[in-house]
PDB file of all heavy atoms in Angstrom:
ATOM      1  N   ARG A   1      91.164 103.089  99.868  1.00  0.00           N
ATOM      2  CA  ARG A   1      92.537 103.161 100.374  1.00  0.00           C
ATOM      3  C   ARG A   1      93.328 101.928  99.942  1.00  0.00           C
ATOM      4  O   ARG A   1      94.464 102.018  99.454  1.00  0.00           O
ATOM      5  CB  ARG A   1      92.544 103.292 101.895  1.00  0.00           C
ATOM      6  CG  ARG A   1      93.991 103.285 102.453  1.00  0.00           C
ATOM      7  CD  ARG A   1      94.068 103.363 103.963  1.00  0.00           C
ATOM      8  NE  ARG A   1      93.374 102.302 104.674  1.00  0.00           N
ATOM      9  CZ  ARG A   1      93.816 101.072 104.835  1.00  0.00           C
ATOM     10  NH1 ARG A   1      94.951 100.672 104.256  1.00  0.00           N
ATOM     11  NH2 ARG A   1      93.120 100.179 105.534  1.00  0.00           N
ATOM     12  N   GLU A   2      92.702 100.775 100.109  1.00  0.00           N
ATOM     13  CA  GLU A   2      93.393  99.521  99.737  1.00  0.00           C
ATOM     14  C   GLU A   2      93.667  99.484  98.232  1.00  0.00           C
ATOM     15  O   GLU A   2      94.749  99.078  97.802  1.00  0.00           O
ATOM     16  CB  GLU A   2      92.578  98.320 100.190  1.00  0.00           C
ATOM     17  CG  GLU A   2      92.573  98.165 101.716  1.00  0.00           C
ATOM     18  CD  GLU A   2      91.631  97.103 102.203  1.00  0.00           C
ATOM     19  OE1 GLU A   2      90.743  96.620 101.421  1.00  0.00           O
ATOM     20  OE2 GLU A   2      91.724  96.751 103.411  1.00  0.00           O
ATOM     21  N   GLU A   3      92.683  99.926  97.431  1.00  0.00           N
ATOM     22  CA  GLU A   3      92.892  99.949  95.984  1.00  0.00           C
ATOM     23  C   GLU A   3      93.999 100.906  95.593  1.00  0.00           C
ATOM     24  O   GLU A   3      94.704 100.669  94.594  1.00  0.00           O
ATOM     25  CB  GLU A   3      91.593 100.364  95.284  1.00  0.00           C
ATOM     26  CG  GLU A   3      90.509  99.329  95.277  1.00  0.00           C
ATOM     27  CD  GLU A   3      89.217  99.819  94.646  1.00  0.00           C
ATOM     28  OE1 GLU A   3      89.243 100.822  93.895  1.00  0.00           O
ATOM     29  OE2 GLU A   3      88.184  99.206  94.928  1.00  0.00           O
ATOM     30  N   SER A   4      94.185 101.956  96.362  1.00  0.00           N
ATOM     31  CA  SER A   4      95.218 102.961  96.059  1.00  0.00           C
ATOM     32  C   SER A   4      96.616 102.440  96.414  1.00  0.00           C
ATOM     33  O   SER A   4      97.610 103.067  96.084  1.00  0.00           O
ATOM     34  CB  SER A   4      94.946 104.284  96.763  1.00  0.00           C
ATOM     35  OG  SER A   4      95.269 104.179  98.143  1.00  0.00           O
ATOM     36  N   GLY A   5      96.669 101.358  97.226  1.00  0.00           N
ATOM     37  CA  GLY A   5      97.936 100.816  97.642  1.00  0.00           C
ATOM     38  C   GLY A   5      98.527 101.562  98.829  1.00  0.00           C
ATOM     39  O   GLY A   5      99.670 101.318  99.197  1.00  0.00           O
ATOM     40  N   ARG A   6      97.732 102.420  99.446  1.00  0.00           N
ATOM     41  CA  ARG A   6      98.230 103.188 100.588  1.00  0.00           C
ATOM     42  C   ARG A   6      97.870 102.470 101.911  1.00  0.00           C
ATOM     43  O   ARG A   6      96.842 101.817 102.010  1.00  0.00           O
ATOM     44  CB  ARG A   6      97.662 104.582 100.574  1.00  0.00           C
ATOM     45  CG  ARG A   6      98.271 105.390  99.394  1.00  0.00           C
ATOM     46  CD  ARG A   6      97.653 106.761  99.287  1.00  0.00           C
ATOM     47  NE  ARG A   6      98.281 107.572  98.233  1.00  0.00           N
ATOM     48  CZ  ARG A   6      97.930 107.570  96.967  1.00  0.00           C
ATOM     49  NH1 ARG A   6      96.980 106.784  96.538  1.00  0.00           N
ATOM     50  NH2 ARG A   6      98.529 108.380  96.097  1.00  0.00           N
ATOM     51  N   THR A   7      98.734 102.664 102.858  1.00  0.00           N
ATOM     52  CA  THR A   7      98.509 102.078 104.199  1.00  0.00           C
ATOM     53  C   THR A   7      97.835 103.107 105.091  1.00  0.00           C
ATOM     54  O   THR A   7      97.775 104.301 104.764  1.00  0.00           O
ATOM     55  CB  THR A   7      99.823 101.639 104.834  1.00  0.00           C
ATOM     56  OG1 THR A   7     100.631 102.845 105.051  1.00  0.00           O
ATOM     57  CG2 THR A   7     100.594 100.665 103.954  1.00  0.00           C
ATOM     58  N   GLN A   8      97.389 102.664 106.263  1.00  0.00           N
ATOM     59  CA  GLN A   8      96.873 103.599 107.247  1.00  0.00           C
ATOM     60  C   GLN A   8      97.952 104.617 107.636  1.00  0.00           C
ATOM     61  O   GLN A   8      97.654 105.782 107.861  1.00  0.00           O
ATOM     62  CB  GLN A   8      96.380 102.846 108.485  1.00  0.00           C
ATOM     63  CG  GLN A   8      95.101 102.093 108.300  1.00  0.00           C
ATOM     64  CD  GLN A   8      94.632 101.397 109.555  1.00  0.00           C
ATOM     65  OE1 GLN A   8      95.380 101.308 110.537  1.00  0.00           O
ATOM     66  NE2 GLN A   8      93.406 100.912 109.535  1.00  0.00           N
ATOM     67  N   GLU A   9      99.165 104.154 107.731  1.00  0.00           N
ATOM     68  CA  GLU A   9     100.280 105.035 108.051  1.00  0.00           C
ATOM     69  C   GLU A   9     100.450 106.119 106.991  1.00  0.00           C
ATOM     70  O   GLU A   9     100.670 107.289 107.323  1.00  0.00           O
ATOM     71  CB  GLU A   9     101.579 104.237 108.224  1.00  0.00           C
ATOM     72  CG  GLU A   9     102.735 105.056 108.688  1.00  0.00           C
ATOM     73  CD  GLU A   9     102.609 105.593 110.113  1.00  0.00           C
ATOM     74  OE1 GLU A   9     102.013 104.926 110.957  1.00  0.00           O
ATOM     75  OE2 GLU A   9     103.115 106.706 110.389  1.00  0.00           O
ATOM     76  N   ASP A  10     100.351 105.745 105.727  1.00  0.00           N
ATOM     77  CA  ASP A  10     100.452 106.723 104.633  1.00  0.00           C
ATOM     78  C   ASP A  10      99.358 107.784 104.753  1.00  0.00           C
ATOM     79  O   ASP A  10      99.611 108.988 104.614  1.00  0.00           O
ATOM     80  CB  ASP A  10     100.292 106.038 103.269  1.00  0.00           C
ATOM     81  CG  ASP A  10     101.393 105.052 102.949  1.00  0.00           C
ATOM     82  OD1 ASP A  10     102.517 105.217 103.444  1.00  0.00           O
ATOM     83  OD2 ASP A  10     101.101 104.087 102.193  1.00  0.00           O
ATOM     84  N   VAL A  11      98.138 107.320 105.030  1.00  0.00           N
ATOM     85  CA  VAL A  11      96.999 108.232 105.152  1.00  0.00           C
ATOM     86  C   VAL A  11      97.204 109.129 106.382  1.00  0.00           C
ATOM     87  O   VAL A  11      96.995 110.341 106.309  1.00  0.00           O
ATOM     88  CB  VAL A  11      95.669 107.461 105.256  1.00  0.00           C
ATOM     89  CG1 VAL A  11      94.500 108.387 105.586  1.00  0.00           C
ATOM     90  CG2 VAL A  11      95.396 106.696 103.970  1.00  0.00           C
ATOM     91  N   ALA A  12      97.654 108.556 107.469  1.00  0.00           N
ATOM     92  CA  ALA A  12      97.870 109.308 108.697  1.00  0.00           C
ATOM     93  C   ALA A  12      98.895 110.444 108.472  1.00  0.00           C
ATOM     94  O   ALA A  12      98.657 111.590 108.868  1.00  0.00           O
ATOM     95  CB  ALA A  12      98.341 108.373 109.800  1.00  0.00           C
ATOM     96  N   LYS A  13      99.986 110.126 107.817  1.00  0.00           N
ATOM     97  CA  LYS A  13     101.012 111.143 107.534  1.00  0.00           C
ATOM     98  C   LYS A  13     100.452 112.250 106.686  1.00  0.00           C
ATOM     99  O   LYS A  13     100.675 113.443 106.964  1.00  0.00           O
ATOM    100  CB  LYS A  13     102.215 110.500 106.845  1.00  0.00           C
ATOM    101  CG  LYS A  13     103.105 109.703 107.762  1.00  0.00           C
ATOM    102  CD  LYS A  13     104.284 109.134 107.006  1.00  0.00           C
ATOM    103  CE  LYS A  13     105.076 108.222 107.927  1.00  0.00           C
ATOM    104  NZ  LYS A  13     106.202 107.589 107.208  1.00  0.00           N
ATOM    105  N   ALA A  14      99.679 111.905 105.641  1.00  0.00           N
ATOM    106  CA  ALA A  14      99.100 112.899 104.753  1.00  0.00           C
ATOM    107  C   ALA A  14      98.086 113.806 105.462  1.00  0.00           C
ATOM    108  O   ALA A  14      97.918 114.966 105.134  1.00  0.00           O
ATOM    109  CB  ALA A  14      98.461 112.243 103.526  1.00  0.00           C
ATOM    110  N   MET A  15      97.412 113.217 106.455  1.00  0.00           N
ATOM    111  CA  MET A  15      96.390 113.955 107.214  1.00  0.00           C
ATOM    112  C   MET A  15      96.976 114.614 108.460  1.00  0.00           C
ATOM    113  O   MET A  15      96.234 115.268 109.226  1.00  0.00           O
ATOM    114  CB  MET A  15      95.259 113.029 107.610  1.00  0.00           C
ATOM    115  CG  MET A  15      94.438 112.512 106.437  1.00  0.00           C
ATOM    116  SD  MET A  15      93.158 111.338 106.969  1.00  0.00           S
ATOM    117  CE  MET A  15      92.061 112.399 107.946  1.00  0.00           C
ATOM    118  N   ASN A  16      98.245 114.419 108.729  1.00  0.00           N
ATOM    119  CA  ASN A  16      98.905 114.935 109.921  1.00  0.00           C
ATOM    120  C   ASN A  16      98.236 114.393 111.196  1.00  0.00           C
ATOM    121  O   ASN A  16      97.932 115.146 112.111  1.00  0.00           O
ATOM    122  CB  ASN A  16      98.944 116.470 109.911  1.00  0.00           C
ATOM    123  CG  ASN A  16      99.986 117.009 110.894  1.00  0.00           C
ATOM    124  OD1 ASN A  16     100.995 116.339 111.148  1.00  0.00           O
ATOM    125  ND2 ASN A  16      99.734 118.176 111.395  1.00  0.00           N
ATOM    126  N   ARG A  17      97.979 113.116 111.167  1.00  0.00           N
ATOM    127  CA  ARG A  17      97.352 112.385 112.293  1.00  0.00           C
ATOM    128  C   ARG A  17      98.197 111.182 112.592  1.00  0.00           C
ATOM    129  O   ARG A  17      99.111 110.818 111.852  1.00  0.00           O
ATOM    130  CB  ARG A  17      95.938 111.917 111.913  1.00  0.00           C
ATOM    131  CG  ARG A  17      95.002 112.975 111.499  1.00  0.00           C
ATOM    132  CD  ARG A  17      94.247 113.474 112.705  1.00  0.00           C
ATOM    133  NE  ARG A  17      93.073 114.262 112.289  1.00  0.00           N
ATOM    134  CZ  ARG A  17      92.961 115.533 112.532  1.00  0.00           C
ATOM    135  NH1 ARG A  17      93.873 116.175 113.164  1.00  0.00           N
ATOM    136  NH2 ARG A  17      91.883 116.185 112.165  1.00  0.00           N
ATOM    137  N   SER A  18      97.879 110.489 113.670  1.00  0.00           N
ATOM    138  CA  SER A  18      98.563 109.243 113.971  1.00  0.00           C
ATOM    139  C   SER A  18      97.865 108.091 113.267  1.00  0.00           C
ATOM    140  O   SER A  18      96.684 108.175 112.909  1.00  0.00           O
ATOM    141  CB  SER A  18      98.577 108.989 115.471  1.00  0.00           C
ATOM    142  OG  SER A  18      97.272 108.707 115.941  1.00  0.00           O
ATOM    143  N   GLN A  19      98.561 106.999 113.088  1.00  0.00           N
ATOM    144  CA  GLN A  19      98.019 105.826 112.439  1.00  0.00           C
ATOM    145  C   GLN A  19      96.850 105.299 113.282  1.00  0.00           C
ATOM    146  O   GLN A  19      95.862 104.804 112.758  1.00  0.00           O
ATOM    147  CB  GLN A  19      99.075 104.747 112.261  1.00  0.00           C
ATOM    148  CG  GLN A  19      98.585 103.445 111.636  1.00  0.00           C
ATOM    149  CD  GLN A  19      98.077 102.461 112.692  1.00  0.00           C
ATOM    150  OE1 GLN A  19      98.525 102.442 113.831  1.00  0.00           O
ATOM    151  NE2 GLN A  19      97.102 101.649 112.284  1.00  0.00           N
ATOM    152  N   SER A  20      96.964 105.429 114.609  1.00  0.00           N
ATOM    153  CA  SER A  20      95.884 104.908 115.474  1.00  0.00           C
ATOM    154  C   SER A  20      94.594 105.703 115.292  1.00  0.00           C
ATOM    155  O   SER A  20      93.503 105.102 115.391  1.00  0.00           O
ATOM    156  CB  SER A  20      96.314 104.912 116.947  1.00  0.00           C
ATOM    157  OG  SER A  20      96.496 106.244 117.416  1.00  0.00           O
ATOM    158  N   VAL A  21      94.676 106.982 114.983  1.00  0.00           N
ATOM    159  CA  VAL A  21      93.449 107.769 114.701  1.00  0.00           C
ATOM    160  C   VAL A  21      92.789 107.256 113.422  1.00  0.00           C
ATOM    161  O   VAL A  21      91.578 107.058 113.390  1.00  0.00           O
ATOM    162  CB  VAL A  21      93.770 109.272 114.598  1.00  0.00           C
ATOM    163  CG1 VAL A  21      92.587 110.047 114.027  1.00  0.00           C
ATOM    164  CG2 VAL A  21      94.173 109.833 115.955  1.00  0.00           C
ATOM    165  N   VAL A  22      93.583 107.016 112.395  1.00  0.00           N
ATOM    166  CA  VAL A  22      93.047 106.472 111.130  1.00  0.00           C
ATOM    167  C   VAL A  22      92.410 105.113 111.388  1.00  0.00           C
ATOM    168  O   VAL A  22      91.294 104.853 110.917  1.00  0.00           O
ATOM    169  CB  VAL A  22      94.119 106.417 110.040  1.00  0.00           C
ATOM    170  CG1 VAL A  22      93.588 105.729 108.787  1.00  0.00           C
ATOM    171  CG2 VAL A  22      94.621 107.827 109.705  1.00  0.00           C
ATOM    172  N   SER A  23      93.091 104.264 112.145  1.00  0.00           N
ATOM    173  CA  SER A  23      92.561 102.953 112.468  1.00  0.00           C
ATOM    174  C   SER A  23      91.209 103.050 113.188  1.00  0.00           C
ATOM    175  O   SER A  23      90.248 102.360 112.853  1.00  0.00           O
ATOM    176  CB  SER A  23      93.567 102.167 113.298  1.00  0.00           C
ATOM    177  OG  SER A  23      93.019 100.930 113.703  1.00  0.00           O
ATOM    178  N   LYS A  24      91.166 103.902 114.193  1.00  0.00           N
ATOM    179  CA  LYS A  24      89.931 104.056 114.966  1.00  0.00           C
ATOM    180  C   LYS A  24      88.781 104.588 114.092  1.00  0.00           C
ATOM    181  O   LYS A  24      87.642 104.164 114.250  1.00  0.00           O
ATOM    182  CB  LYS A  24      90.152 105.005 116.142  1.00  0.00           C
ATOM    183  CG  LYS A  24      90.964 104.367 117.253  1.00  0.00           C
ATOM    184  CD  LYS A  24      91.287 105.321 118.377  1.00  0.00           C
ATOM    185  CE  LYS A  24      92.186 104.641 119.409  1.00  0.00           C
ATOM    186  NZ  LYS A  24      92.614 105.547 120.446  1.00  0.00           N
ATOM    187  N   CYS A  25      89.096 105.480 113.158  1.00  0.00           N
ATOM    188  CA  CYS A  25      88.082 105.963 112.225  1.00  0.00           C
ATOM    189  C   CYS A  25      87.567 104.831 111.357  1.00  0.00           C
ATOM    190  O   CYS A  25      86.367 104.649 111.199  1.00  0.00           O
ATOM    191  CB  CYS A  25      88.639 107.097 111.345  1.00  0.00           C
ATOM    192  SG  CYS A  25      88.896 108.652 112.205  1.00  0.00           S
ATOM    193  N   GLU A  26      88.505 104.060 110.802  1.00  0.00           N
ATOM    194  CA  GLU A  26      88.100 102.955 109.903  1.00  0.00           C
ATOM    195  C   GLU A  26      87.339 101.887 110.650  1.00  0.00           C
ATOM    196  O   GLU A  26      86.466 101.230 110.066  1.00  0.00           O
ATOM    197  CB  GLU A  26      89.351 102.344 109.254  1.00  0.00           C
ATOM    198  CG  GLU A  26      89.973 103.261 108.199  1.00  0.00           C
ATOM    199  CD  GLU A  26      91.115 102.615 107.456  1.00  0.00           C
ATOM    200  OE1 GLU A  26      91.482 101.446 107.740  1.00  0.00           O
ATOM    201  OE2 GLU A  26      91.678 103.279 106.542  1.00  0.00           O
ATOM    202  N   LEU A  27      87.599 101.683 111.925  1.00  0.00           N
ATOM    203  CA  LEU A  27      86.871 100.700 112.704  1.00  0.00           C
ATOM    204  C   LEU A  27      85.543 101.221 113.235  1.00  0.00           C
ATOM    205  O   LEU A  27      84.749 100.455 113.790  1.00  0.00           O
ATOM    206  CB  LEU A  27      87.727 100.236 113.907  1.00  0.00           C
ATOM    207  CG  LEU A  27      88.951  99.412 113.552  1.00  0.00           C
ATOM    208  CD1 LEU A  27      89.835  99.254 114.786  1.00  0.00           C
ATOM    209  CD2 LEU A  27      88.541  98.061 112.985  1.00  0.00           C
ATOM    210  N   GLY A  28      85.301 102.513 113.081  1.00  0.00           N
ATOM    211  CA  GLY A  28      84.070 103.102 113.578  1.00  0.00           C
ATOM    212  C   GLY A  28      84.129 103.459 115.062  1.00  0.00           C
ATOM    213  O   GLY A  28      83.118 103.756 115.654  1.00  0.00           O
ATOM    214  N   LEU A  29      85.325 103.416 115.629  1.00  0.00           N
ATOM    215  CA  LEU A  29      85.506 103.751 117.035  1.00  0.00           C
ATOM    216  C   LEU A  29      85.624 105.261 117.253  1.00  0.00           C
ATOM    217  O   LEU A  29      85.458 105.759 118.347  1.00  0.00           O
ATOM    218  CB  LEU A  29      86.733 103.055 117.625  1.00  0.00           C
ATOM    219  CG  LEU A  29      86.710 101.526 117.528  1.00  0.00           C
ATOM    220  CD1 LEU A  29      88.022 100.961 118.007  1.00  0.00           C
ATOM    221  CD2 LEU A  29      85.560 100.988 118.334  1.00  0.00           C
ATOM    222  N   ARG A  30      85.983 105.958 116.186  1.00  0.00           N
ATOM    223  CA  ARG A  30      86.108 107.417 116.220  1.00  0.00           C
ATOM    224  C   ARG A  30      85.346 107.955 115.013  1.00  0.00           C
ATOM    225  O   ARG A  30      85.556 107.525 113.918  1.00  0.00           O
ATOM    226  CB  ARG A  30      87.571 107.828 116.127  1.00  0.00           C
ATOM    227  CG  ARG A  30      87.772 109.333 116.157  1.00  0.00           C
ATOM    228  CD  ARG A  30      89.239 109.678 115.954  1.00  0.00           C
ATOM    229  NE  ARG A  30      89.461 111.119 115.955  1.00  0.00           N
ATOM    230  CZ  ARG A  30      89.261 111.902 114.900  1.00  0.00           C
ATOM    231  NH1 ARG A  30      88.812 111.399 113.764  1.00  0.00           N
ATOM    232  NH2 ARG A  30      89.471 113.194 114.990  1.00  0.00           N
ATOM    233  N   ARG A  31      84.457 108.894 115.306  1.00  0.00           N
ATOM    234  CA  ARG A  31      83.631 109.453 114.224  1.00  0.00           C
ATOM    235  C   ARG A  31      84.511 110.307 113.296  1.00  0.00           C
ATOM    236  O   ARG A  31      85.344 111.092 113.744  1.00  0.00           O
ATOM    237  CB  ARG A  31      82.561 110.343 114.866  1.00  0.00           C
ATOM    238  CG  ARG A  31      81.622 110.913 113.867  1.00  0.00           C
ATOM    239  CD  ARG A  31      80.260 110.364 114.101  1.00  0.00           C
ATOM    240  NE  ARG A  31      79.337 111.051 113.244  1.00  0.00           N
ATOM    241  CZ  ARG A  31      78.713 110.472 112.236  1.00  0.00           C
ATOM    242  NH1 ARG A  31      78.875 109.194 112.037  1.00  0.00           N
ATOM    243  NH2 ARG A  31      77.892 111.121 111.481  1.00  0.00           N
ATOM    244  N   ILE A  32      84.308 110.160 112.008  1.00  0.00           N
ATOM    245  CA  ILE A  32      85.029 110.946 111.008  1.00  0.00           C
ATOM    246  C   ILE A  32      84.075 111.986 110.434  1.00  0.00           C
ATOM    247  O   ILE A  32      82.937 111.656 110.054  1.00  0.00           O
ATOM    248  CB  ILE A  32      85.665 110.032 109.930  1.00  0.00           C
ATOM    249  CG1 ILE A  32      86.539 110.847 108.978  1.00  0.00           C
ATOM    250  CG2 ILE A  32      84.614 109.219 109.184  1.00  0.00           C
ATOM    251  CD1 ILE A  32      87.427 109.998 108.089  1.00  0.00           C
ATOM    252  N   ASP A  33      84.496 113.247 110.396  1.00  0.00           N
ATOM    253  CA  ASP A  33      83.595 114.290 109.879  1.00  0.00           C
ATOM    254  C   ASP A  33      83.900 114.567 108.407  1.00  0.00           C
ATOM    255  O   ASP A  33      84.847 114.000 107.836  1.00  0.00           O
ATOM    256  CB  ASP A  33      83.668 115.551 110.749  1.00  0.00           C
ATOM    257  CG  ASP A  33      85.004 116.297 110.682  1.00  0.00           C
ATOM    258  OD1 ASP A  33      85.727 116.195 109.671  1.00  0.00           O
ATOM    259  OD2 ASP A  33      85.313 116.977 111.669  1.00  0.00           O
ATOM    260  N   ILE A  34      83.120 115.417 107.805  1.00  0.00           N
ATOM    261  CA  ILE A  34      83.205 115.694 106.387  1.00  0.00           C
ATOM    262  C   ILE A  34      84.553 116.279 105.998  1.00  0.00           C
ATOM    263  O   ILE A  34      85.118 115.970 104.944  1.00  0.00           O
ATOM    264  CB  ILE A  34      82.043 116.571 105.890  1.00  0.00           C
ATOM    265  CG1 ILE A  34      81.937 116.601 104.380  1.00  0.00           C
ATOM    266  CG2 ILE A  34      82.157 117.971 106.460  1.00  0.00           C
ATOM    267  CD1 ILE A  34      81.380 115.344 103.801  1.00  0.00           C
ATOM    268  N   VAL A  35      85.114 117.111 106.840  1.00  0.00           N
ATOM    269  CA  VAL A  35      86.438 117.695 106.559  1.00  0.00           C
ATOM    270  C   VAL A  35      87.496 116.610 106.554  1.00  0.00           C
ATOM    271  O   VAL A  35      88.357 116.565 105.644  1.00  0.00           O
ATOM    272  CB  VAL A  35      86.797 118.787 107.616  1.00  0.00           C
ATOM    273  CG1 VAL A  35      88.211 119.299 107.429  1.00  0.00           C
ATOM    274  CG2 VAL A  35      85.782 119.940 107.517  1.00  0.00           C
ATOM    275  N   GLU A  36      87.416 115.680 107.500  1.00  0.00           N
ATOM    276  CA  GLU A  36      88.371 114.556 107.538  1.00  0.00           C
ATOM    277  C   GLU A  36      88.176 113.601 106.356  1.00  0.00           C
ATOM    278  O   GLU A  36      89.151 113.063 105.850  1.00  0.00           O
ATOM    279  CB  GLU A  36      88.270 113.822 108.853  1.00  0.00           C
ATOM    280  CG  GLU A  36      88.754 114.651 110.027  1.00  0.00           C
ATOM    281  CD  GLU A  36      88.446 113.995 111.351  1.00  0.00           C
ATOM    282  OE1 GLU A  36      87.326 113.493 111.539  1.00  0.00           O
ATOM    283  OE2 GLU A  36      89.362 114.010 112.200  1.00  0.00           O
ATOM    284  N   VAL A  37      86.940 113.414 105.948  1.00  0.00           N
ATOM    285  CA  VAL A  37      86.668 112.555 104.767  1.00  0.00           C
ATOM    286  C   VAL A  37      87.358 113.163 103.542  1.00  0.00           C
ATOM    287  O   VAL A  37      88.019 112.460 102.776  1.00  0.00           O
ATOM    288  CB  VAL A  37      85.161 112.370 104.528  1.00  0.00           C
ATOM    289  CG1 VAL A  37      84.918 111.700 103.185  1.00  0.00           C
ATOM    290  CG2 VAL A  37      84.533 111.557 105.637  1.00  0.00           C
ATOM    291  N   ARG A  38      87.269 114.466 103.403  1.00  0.00           N
ATOM    292  CA  ARG A  38      87.918 115.135 102.253  1.00  0.00           C
ATOM    293  C   ARG A  38      89.422 114.975 102.351  1.00  0.00           C
ATOM    294  O   ARG A  38      90.094 114.700 101.352  1.00  0.00           O
ATOM    295  CB  ARG A  38      87.527 116.613 102.199  1.00  0.00           C
ATOM    296  CG  ARG A  38      88.097 117.303 101.011  1.00  0.00           C
ATOM    297  CD  ARG A  38      87.571 118.761 100.899  1.00  0.00           C
ATOM    298  NE  ARG A  38      88.171 119.427  99.789  1.00  0.00           N
ATOM    299  CZ  ARG A  38      89.323 120.108  99.846  1.00  0.00           C
ATOM    300  NH1 ARG A  38      89.992 120.196 100.986  1.00  0.00           N
ATOM    301  NH2 ARG A  38      89.823 120.682  98.763  1.00  0.00           N
ATOM    302  N   GLN A  39      89.993 115.171 103.543  1.00  0.00           N
ATOM    303  CA  GLN A  39      91.438 114.986 103.713  1.00  0.00           C
ATOM    304  C   GLN A  39      91.849 113.546 103.422  1.00  0.00           C
ATOM    305  O   GLN A  39      92.884 113.306 102.795  1.00  0.00           O
ATOM    306  CB  GLN A  39      91.844 115.330 105.151  1.00  0.00           C
ATOM    307  CG  GLN A  39      91.737 116.803 105.505  1.00  0.00           C
ATOM    308  CD  GLN A  39      91.961 117.067 106.975  1.00  0.00           C
ATOM    309  OE1 GLN A  39      91.921 116.139 107.792  1.00  0.00           O
ATOM    310  NE2 GLN A  39      92.221 118.307 107.322  1.00  0.00           N
ATOM    311  N   TYR A  40      91.044 112.610 103.876  1.00  0.00           N
ATOM    312  CA  TYR A  40      91.303 111.170 103.647  1.00  0.00           C
ATOM    313  C   TYR A  40      91.326 110.918 102.129  1.00  0.00           C
ATOM    314  O   TYR A  40      92.216 110.234 101.626  1.00  0.00           O
ATOM    315  CB  TYR A  40      90.215 110.355 104.338  1.00  0.00           C
ATOM    316  CG  TYR A  40      90.442 108.885 104.386  1.00  0.00           C
ATOM    317  CD1 TYR A  40      90.790 108.273 105.597  1.00  0.00           C
ATOM    318  CD2 TYR A  40      90.300 108.058 103.280  1.00  0.00           C
ATOM    319  CE1 TYR A  40      90.978 106.882 105.688  1.00  0.00           C
ATOM    320  CE2 TYR A  40      90.478 106.714 103.359  1.00  0.00           C
ATOM    321  CZ  TYR A  40      90.816 106.116 104.537  1.00  0.00           C
ATOM    322  OH  TYR A  40      91.007 104.766 104.615  1.00  0.00           O
TER     323      TYR A  40
END
């Protein structure tokens, strides 16, 4: 994500999620499943 120049907010919008969900996934506070990995 960082190499792509995208922010958590950019990813959240593309995934139709909130930035806090993306943050929690990246921190390991929320489990990310295979479907979400593909969307990410």
